[in-house]
Amino acid sequence: MVILDGETLVQSATVSTKIPKQLREKMNRLKIKPSKILRKALEDEVKKREIEELKKEIANLNPALEKITMNAAVKSIREDRDSR
């Protein structure tokens, strides 16, 4: 399915899950529509895990970055700018 979101076309996929019947009855009674809640929860979880992945990548790069001095970084930037 393709949804028009402002000016952007967003392709959608369907995700389904089973929940206890009692929970569904309570949701109906309280007029809770699960789609927005589930979408937000999934977006939050994806964002959280992407941050965890980035933290691991940074931790892996840290030993290499510690070997670079401030003077070496400044010199490299200056050389790059001067070469333009």
Protein backbone atom coordinates (compact mmCIF):
# COMPACT_ATOMS: atom_id res chain seq x y z
CA MET A 1 0.00 0.00 0.00
CA VAL A 2 1.24 3.51 -0.77
CA ILE A 3 0.16 6.39 1.47
CA LEU A 4 0.49 10.03 0.52
CA ASP A 5 2.17 11.74 3.48
CA GLY A 6 2.28 15.44 2.64
CA GLU A 7 4.41 15.47 -0.50
CA THR A 8 6.10 12.12 0.18
CA LEU A 9 4.89 8.72 -0.94
CA VAL A 10 5.35 6.23 1.89
CA GLN A 11 5.17 2.52 1.23
CA SER A 12 3.54 0.58 4.03
CA ALA A 13 3.71 -3.00 5.21
CA THR A 14 1.21 -4.76 7.42
CA VAL A 15 2.30 -6.23 10.75
CA SER A 16 -0.06 -8.31 12.83
CA THR A 17 0.04 -9.75 16.31
CA LYS A 18 -2.16 -11.79 18.56
CA ILE A 19 -3.30 -10.37 21.88
CA PRO A 20 -5.48 -11.83 24.64
CA LYS A 21 -9.19 -11.53 23.91
CA GLN A 22 -9.72 -9.78 27.24
CA LEU A 23 -7.25 -7.07 26.26
CA ARG A 24 -9.00 -6.56 22.92
CA GLU A 25 -12.34 -6.23 24.72
CA LYS A 26 -10.89 -3.60 27.04
CA MET A 27 -9.44 -1.73 24.07
CA ASN A 28 -12.83 -1.75 22.36
CA ARG A 29 -14.58 -0.57 25.51
CA LEU A 30 -12.07 2.28 25.88
CA LYS A 31 -12.20 3.03 22.14
CA ILE A 32 -8.46 2.53 21.76
CA LYS A 33 -7.22 2.23 18.19
CA PRO A 34 -4.00 0.21 18.35
CA SER A 35 -2.44 1.27 15.05
CA LYS A 36 -1.03 4.63 16.22
CA ILE A 37 0.12 3.21 19.55
CA LEU A 38 1.83 0.23 17.94
CA ARG A 39 3.42 2.36 15.20
CA LYS A 40 4.86 4.75 17.81
CA ALA A 41 6.11 1.88 20.00
CA LEU A 42 7.82 0.23 17.02
CA GLU A 43 9.38 3.52 15.89
CA ASP A 44 10.69 4.11 19.42
CA GLU A 45 12.14 0.60 19.65
CA VAL A 46 13.86 0.91 16.26
CA LYS A 47 15.33 4.29 17.25
CA LYS A 48 16.55 2.84 20.59
CA ARG A 49 18.27 -0.08 18.89
CA GLU A 50 19.84 2.12 16.22
CA ILE A 51 21.31 4.27 19.01
CA GLU A 52 22.66 1.12 20.70
CA GLU A 53 24.30 0.07 17.41
CA LEU A 54 25.89 3.51 17.00
CA LYS A 55 27.22 3.42 20.55
CA LYS A 56 28.86 0.05 19.83
CA GLU A 57 30.40 1.39 16.62
CA ILE A 58 31.74 4.44 18.47
CA ALA A 59 33.18 2.19 21.18
CA ASN A 60 34.92 0.13 18.47
CA LEU A 61 36.34 3.29 16.86
CA ASN A 62 37.44 4.85 20.13
CA PRO A 63 40.87 3.15 20.33
CA ALA A 64 41.77 4.43 16.86
CA LEU A 65 40.47 7.91 17.60
CA GLU A 66 42.49 8.11 20.82
CA LYS A 67 45.68 7.76 18.77
CA ILE A 68 44.96 10.97 16.82
CA THR A 69 46.25 14.09 18.54
CA MET A 70 44.53 17.48 18.32
CA ASN A 71 47.55 18.90 16.50
CA ALA A 72 47.41 16.13 13.90
CA ALA A 73 43.70 16.74 13.32
CA VAL A 74 44.20 20.50 12.97
CA LYS A 75 47.12 19.97 10.59
CA SER A 76 45.08 17.56 8.45
CA ILE A 77 42.15 19.98 8.25
CA ARG A 78 44.46 22.86 7.34
CA GLU A 79 46.16 20.79 4.59
CA ASP A 80 42.75 19.82 3.18
CA ARG A 81 41.55 23.43 3.13
CA ASP A 82 44.78 24.69 1.57
CA SER A 83 44.59 22.09 -1.21
CA ARG A 84 41.29 23.50 -2.50
